[in-house]
N, C-alpha and C. Protein backbone atom coordinates (compact mmCIF):
# COMPACT_ATOMS: atom_id res chain seq x y z
N MET A 1 114.96 92.13 49.95
CA MET A 1 114.37 93.24 49.16
C MET A 1 114.16 92.83 47.64
N THR A 2 112.94 93.08 47.12
CA THR A 2 112.81 92.68 45.87
C THR A 2 112.99 93.87 44.89
N PRO A 3 113.74 93.55 43.75
CA PRO A 3 114.14 94.63 42.91
C PRO A 3 112.93 95.28 42.25
N PRO A 4 113.07 96.67 41.88
CA PRO A 4 111.86 97.33 41.27
C PRO A 4 111.64 96.81 39.95
N ARG A 5 110.29 96.60 39.85
CA ARG A 5 109.74 96.02 38.63
C ARG A 5 109.97 97.16 37.46
N THR A 6 109.92 96.80 36.28
CA THR A 6 109.86 97.68 35.17
C THR A 6 108.43 98.05 34.85
N VAL A 7 108.32 99.32 34.67
CA VAL A 7 106.87 99.93 34.45
C VAL A 7 106.64 99.80 32.88
N PRO A 8 105.55 99.12 32.56
CA PRO A 8 105.17 98.94 31.02
C PRO A 8 104.99 100.30 30.36
N THR A 9 105.01 100.27 29.30
CA THR A 9 104.54 101.44 28.41
C THR A 9 103.27 100.94 27.64
N ILE A 10 102.32 101.90 27.76
CA ILE A 10 101.01 101.62 27.22
C ILE A 10 100.57 103.02 26.52
N PRO A 11 100.33 102.85 25.26
CA PRO A 11 100.01 103.90 24.29
C PRO A 11 98.74 104.80 24.92
N GLY A 12 98.75 106.04 25.15
CA GLY A 12 97.65 106.81 25.66
C GLY A 12 97.57 106.79 27.21
N TRP A 13 98.52 106.14 27.77
CA TRP A 13 98.46 106.06 29.20
C TRP A 13 99.80 106.50 29.69
N ASP A 14 99.70 107.07 30.94
CA ASP A 14 101.09 107.37 31.82
C ASP A 14 100.96 106.46 32.83
N VAL A 15 101.99 105.57 32.97
CA VAL A 15 102.00 104.27 34.02
C VAL A 15 103.16 104.49 34.89
N TYR A 16 102.66 104.42 36.19
CA TYR A 16 103.74 104.24 37.32
C TYR A 16 103.39 103.25 38.38
N ASP A 17 104.49 102.83 39.09
CA ASP A 17 104.39 101.96 40.17
C ASP A 17 104.18 102.62 41.39
N ASP A 18 103.11 102.42 42.13
CA ASP A 18 102.67 102.98 43.36
C ASP A 18 102.86 101.88 44.41
N GLU A 19 103.98 101.73 45.10
CA GLU A 19 104.32 100.64 46.15
C GLU A 19 103.57 99.31 45.71
N GLY A 20 104.06 98.75 44.66
CA GLY A 20 103.51 97.48 44.10
C GLY A 20 102.33 97.37 43.30
N THR A 21 101.64 98.61 43.19
CA THR A 21 100.44 98.60 42.38
C THR A 21 100.68 99.33 41.30
N LEU A 22 100.28 98.90 39.93
CA LEU A 22 100.45 99.67 38.83
C LEU A 22 99.35 100.50 38.68
N VAL A 23 99.75 101.93 38.42
CA VAL A 23 98.53 102.80 38.15
C VAL A 23 98.78 103.47 36.84
N ALA A 24 97.84 103.50 36.00
CA ALA A 24 97.81 104.15 34.64
C ALA A 24 96.78 105.15 34.70
N VAL A 25 97.32 106.32 34.21
CA VAL A 25 96.48 107.54 33.95
C VAL A 25 96.29 107.92 32.56
N ARG A 26 95.05 108.13 32.24
CA ARG A 26 94.67 108.42 30.91
C ARG A 26 95.37 109.79 30.35
N GLN A 27 95.99 109.89 29.18
CA GLN A 27 96.77 111.17 28.91
C GLN A 27 95.64 112.04 28.19
N ALA A 28 94.55 111.66 27.63
CA ALA A 28 93.63 112.37 26.91
C ALA A 28 92.53 112.62 27.88
N PRO A 29 91.87 113.76 27.98
CA PRO A 29 90.75 113.94 28.98
C PRO A 29 89.51 113.22 28.38
N LEU A 30 88.60 112.95 29.37
CA LEU A 30 87.34 112.35 29.10
C LEU A 30 86.36 113.40 29.14
N THR A 31 85.29 113.19 28.34
CA THR A 31 84.04 114.02 28.45
C THR A 31 83.34 113.69 29.73
N GLU A 32 82.36 114.57 30.07
CA GLU A 32 81.57 114.39 31.26
C GLU A 32 80.70 113.06 31.03
N TYR A 33 80.25 113.02 29.73
CA TYR A 33 79.34 111.83 29.35
C TYR A 33 80.18 110.52 29.47
N GLN A 34 81.33 110.43 28.96
CA GLN A 34 82.20 109.26 29.15
C GLN A 34 82.51 108.90 30.60
N ARG A 35 82.76 109.90 31.46
CA ARG A 35 82.90 109.55 33.04
C ARG A 35 81.57 109.13 33.53
N LEU A 36 80.47 109.59 33.23
CA LEU A 36 79.24 109.36 33.72
C LEU A 36 78.81 107.83 33.40
N TYR A 37 79.31 107.42 32.17
CA TYR A 37 78.93 106.11 31.84
C TYR A 37 79.98 104.96 32.10
N GLY A 38 80.88 105.36 32.87
CA GLY A 38 82.05 104.23 33.42
C GLY A 38 83.25 104.37 32.72
N ALA A 39 83.80 105.23 31.93
CA ALA A 39 85.06 105.46 31.52
C ALA A 39 85.97 106.05 32.61
N MET A 40 87.04 105.46 32.87
CA MET A 40 87.79 105.99 34.02
C MET A 40 89.14 106.60 33.54
N GLY A 41 89.53 107.67 34.22
CA GLY A 41 90.80 108.41 33.79
C GLY A 41 92.10 107.93 34.49
N GLU A 42 91.83 106.89 35.54
CA GLU A 42 92.82 106.19 36.35
C GLU A 42 92.45 104.87 36.65
N VAL A 43 93.49 103.94 36.49
CA VAL A 43 93.02 102.65 36.63
C VAL A 43 94.30 101.93 37.49
N HIS A 44 93.96 100.84 38.28
CA HIS A 44 94.99 100.15 39.10
C HIS A 44 94.97 98.73 38.77
N ALA A 45 96.11 97.97 38.88
CA ALA A 45 96.31 96.66 38.55
C ALA A 45 97.45 96.12 39.26
N ARG A 46 97.39 94.83 39.61
CA ARG A 46 98.41 94.06 40.29
C ARG A 46 99.69 93.71 39.45
N ASP A 47 99.34 93.43 38.12
CA ASP A 47 100.49 93.19 37.29
C ASP A 47 100.29 93.68 35.87
N GLU A 48 101.35 93.59 34.99
CA GLU A 48 101.19 94.15 33.72
C GLU A 48 100.28 93.61 32.78
N GLY A 49 99.96 92.30 32.96
CA GLY A 49 98.80 91.82 32.13
C GLY A 49 97.56 92.36 32.54
N GLU A 50 97.16 92.32 33.69
CA GLU A 50 96.00 92.87 34.24
C GLU A 50 95.82 94.33 33.69
N LEU A 51 96.88 95.15 33.86
CA LEU A 51 97.02 96.57 33.54
C LEU A 51 96.58 96.66 32.12
N ARG A 52 97.23 95.81 31.25
CA ARG A 52 97.10 95.92 29.77
C ARG A 52 95.48 95.63 29.47
N VAL A 53 94.91 94.65 30.04
CA VAL A 53 93.50 94.18 29.78
C VAL A 53 92.58 95.47 30.08
N ILE A 54 92.72 96.06 31.29
CA ILE A 54 92.04 97.16 31.95
C ILE A 54 92.17 98.41 30.98
N CYS A 55 93.33 98.65 30.55
CA CYS A 55 93.53 99.87 29.60
C CYS A 55 92.82 99.70 28.29
N THR A 56 92.99 98.44 27.81
CA THR A 56 92.36 98.20 26.44
C THR A 56 90.76 98.12 26.62
N ALA A 57 90.37 97.74 27.58
CA ALA A 57 88.87 97.81 27.77
C ALA A 57 88.35 99.18 28.08
N GLN A 58 89.07 99.92 28.94
CA GLN A 58 88.71 101.41 29.20
C GLN A 58 88.92 102.23 27.79
N TYR A 59 89.92 101.94 27.03
CA TYR A 59 90.06 102.57 25.69
C TYR A 59 88.72 102.37 24.74
N GLU A 60 88.41 101.16 24.81
CA GLU A 60 87.36 100.64 23.88
C GLU A 60 85.96 101.34 24.29
N LEU A 61 85.86 101.24 25.80
CA LEU A 61 84.60 101.76 26.36
C LEU A 61 84.58 103.33 25.98
N ALA A 62 85.69 104.05 26.15
CA ALA A 62 85.60 105.55 25.91
C ALA A 62 85.31 105.87 24.54
N GLN A 63 85.98 104.94 23.61
CA GLN A 63 85.62 105.16 22.22
C GLN A 63 84.25 105.00 21.86
N ARG A 64 83.55 103.93 22.20
CA ARG A 64 82.20 103.67 22.12
C ARG A 64 81.25 104.70 22.54
N LEU A 65 81.59 105.19 23.89
CA LEU A 65 80.84 106.15 24.40
C LEU A 65 81.10 107.60 23.64
N ALA A 66 82.13 107.84 23.19
CA ALA A 66 82.32 109.02 22.32
C ALA A 66 81.52 109.06 21.09
N GLN A 67 81.41 107.88 20.60
CA GLN A 67 80.60 107.58 19.42
C GLN A 67 79.10 107.78 19.63
N ALA A 68 78.67 107.20 20.73
CA ALA A 68 77.37 107.38 21.32
C ALA A 68 76.88 108.77 21.52
N GLU A 69 77.88 109.55 22.24
CA GLU A 69 77.55 110.97 22.63
C GLU A 69 77.44 111.78 21.47
N PHE A 70 78.17 111.72 20.30
CA PHE A 70 78.17 112.55 19.33
C PHE A 70 77.24 112.10 18.18
N SER A 71 76.82 110.80 18.16
CA SER A 71 75.88 110.50 17.08
C SER A 71 74.38 110.49 17.53
N ALA A 72 74.31 110.45 18.85
CA ALA A 72 72.85 110.63 19.32
C ALA A 72 72.87 111.66 20.36
N PRO A 73 72.96 112.90 20.08
CA PRO A 73 72.99 114.07 21.00
C PRO A 73 71.78 114.04 21.89
N LYS A 74 70.71 113.55 21.61
CA LYS A 74 69.40 113.57 22.28
C LYS A 74 69.54 112.74 23.76
N ILE A 75 70.50 111.90 23.80
CA ILE A 75 70.79 111.11 25.04
C ILE A 75 71.03 112.10 26.07
N ARG A 76 71.90 113.18 25.77
CA ARG A 76 72.42 114.04 26.82
C ARG A 76 71.21 114.89 27.49
N ARG A 77 70.11 114.82 26.86
CA ARG A 77 69.05 115.79 27.37
C ARG A 77 68.72 115.26 28.86
N PHE A 78 68.89 114.13 29.28
CA PHE A 78 68.65 113.50 30.56
C PHE A 78 69.50 114.33 31.62
N HIS A 79 70.55 114.86 31.25
CA HIS A 79 71.36 115.62 32.03
C HIS A 79 71.16 117.18 32.13
N ALA A 80 70.32 117.60 31.22
CA ALA A 80 70.01 119.09 31.05
C ALA A 80 69.11 119.49 32.09
N ALA A 81 69.13 120.89 32.35
CA ALA A 81 68.14 121.24 33.22
C ALA A 81 66.70 121.24 32.68
N PRO A 82 65.77 121.11 33.54
CA PRO A 82 64.44 121.08 32.94
C PRO A 82 63.95 122.19 32.11
N ASP A 83 63.27 121.95 31.07
CA ASP A 83 62.69 122.85 30.25
C ASP A 83 61.62 123.79 31.04
N PRO A 84 61.93 125.10 31.14
CA PRO A 84 61.08 125.96 31.94
C PRO A 84 59.57 125.96 31.39
N ALA A 85 59.34 125.68 30.00
CA ALA A 85 57.95 125.46 29.62
C ALA A 85 57.32 124.11 30.08
N MET A 86 58.05 123.23 30.44
CA MET A 86 57.68 121.97 30.87
C MET A 86 56.72 122.04 32.26
N GLY A 87 55.45 121.45 32.28
CA GLY A 87 54.73 121.44 33.43
C GLY A 87 55.53 120.63 34.57
N ALA A 88 55.05 120.90 35.88
CA ALA A 88 55.67 120.28 37.02
C ALA A 88 55.58 118.85 37.05
N GLU A 89 54.44 118.30 36.48
CA GLU A 89 54.24 116.74 36.53
C GLU A 89 55.16 116.09 35.21
N ASP A 90 55.28 116.81 34.09
CA ASP A 90 56.10 116.41 33.13
C ASP A 90 57.57 116.32 33.58
N ALA A 91 57.93 117.44 34.19
CA ALA A 91 59.44 117.53 34.75
C ALA A 91 59.81 116.37 35.68
N ARG A 92 58.76 116.04 36.60
CA ARG A 92 58.85 114.94 37.47
C ARG A 92 59.05 113.63 36.74
N VAL A 93 58.26 113.27 35.68
CA VAL A 93 58.29 112.09 34.95
C VAL A 93 59.78 112.07 34.22
N ALA A 94 60.02 113.24 33.61
CA ALA A 94 61.36 113.23 32.98
C ALA A 94 62.52 113.02 33.81
N ALA A 95 62.52 113.58 34.99
CA ALA A 95 63.67 113.36 35.85
C ALA A 95 63.58 111.92 36.47
N SER A 96 62.51 111.44 36.73
CA SER A 96 62.40 109.92 37.29
C SER A 96 62.92 108.97 36.11
N ALA A 97 62.57 109.30 34.84
CA ALA A 97 63.07 108.33 33.66
C ALA A 97 64.39 108.53 33.48
N GLY A 98 64.95 109.88 33.59
CA GLY A 98 66.53 109.92 33.50
C GLY A 98 67.22 109.32 34.73
N ALA A 99 66.66 109.27 35.89
CA ALA A 99 67.25 108.58 37.00
C ALA A 99 67.32 107.15 36.85
N GLU A 100 66.12 106.72 36.45
CA GLU A 100 66.10 105.17 35.98
C GLU A 100 67.13 104.74 35.00
N VAL A 101 67.33 105.54 33.90
CA VAL A 101 68.23 105.10 32.92
C VAL A 101 69.58 105.28 33.30
N LEU A 102 69.91 106.28 34.28
CA LEU A 102 71.24 106.44 34.71
C LEU A 102 71.54 105.30 35.71
N GLY A 103 70.48 104.83 36.60
CA GLY A 103 70.66 103.84 37.48
C GLY A 103 71.15 102.52 36.74
N VAL A 104 70.50 102.24 35.73
CA VAL A 104 70.77 101.04 35.04
C VAL A 104 72.04 101.11 34.30
N LEU A 105 72.30 102.29 33.49
CA LEU A 105 73.52 102.28 32.64
C LEU A 105 74.79 102.89 33.46
N GLY A 106 74.58 103.46 34.53
CA GLY A 106 75.67 104.01 35.56
C GLY A 106 76.10 103.02 36.43
N SER A 107 75.59 101.80 36.57
CA SER A 107 75.91 100.84 37.51
C SER A 107 77.37 100.39 37.45
N GLN A 108 78.08 100.30 38.55
CA GLN A 108 79.54 99.95 38.55
C GLN A 108 79.60 98.47 38.73
N ASP A 109 78.47 97.76 39.03
CA ASP A 109 78.72 96.17 39.30
C ASP A 109 78.89 95.50 37.92
N PRO A 110 79.91 94.69 37.94
CA PRO A 110 80.31 93.92 36.78
C PRO A 110 79.17 93.00 36.47
N PRO A 111 78.98 92.58 35.19
CA PRO A 111 77.95 91.68 34.91
C PRO A 111 78.29 90.34 35.48
N ALA A 112 77.15 89.46 35.82
CA ALA A 112 77.46 88.31 36.53
C ALA A 112 77.99 87.24 35.27
N ARG A 113 78.90 86.42 35.81
CA ARG A 113 79.48 85.37 34.78
C ARG A 113 78.76 84.11 35.11
N MET A 114 78.60 83.52 33.84
CA MET A 114 77.82 82.11 33.94
C MET A 114 78.77 81.06 33.75
């Protein structure tokens, strides 16, 4: 039987061991915008080093998304209901553009390494 490992302390995260997998849950809530563009409220890792890297990256991502969300509020219009004054064709074009942007920015695939 292996001895239980110590659970690391990571500022801003609650960390626990779930049957050999370290799980960190963010203490502060994320906005819908942050979640939409990839910030996660919970992350999993095999060891402490991996967990620290993931938590740091997620913290940085959430900070940058918060800055983007509040410095350029027009970006959020893609997620708003269509303007009733907008014609049907304009609404279709806006929805299509929004879906394209979300498809590119919301992709969960990591970038290819060279």
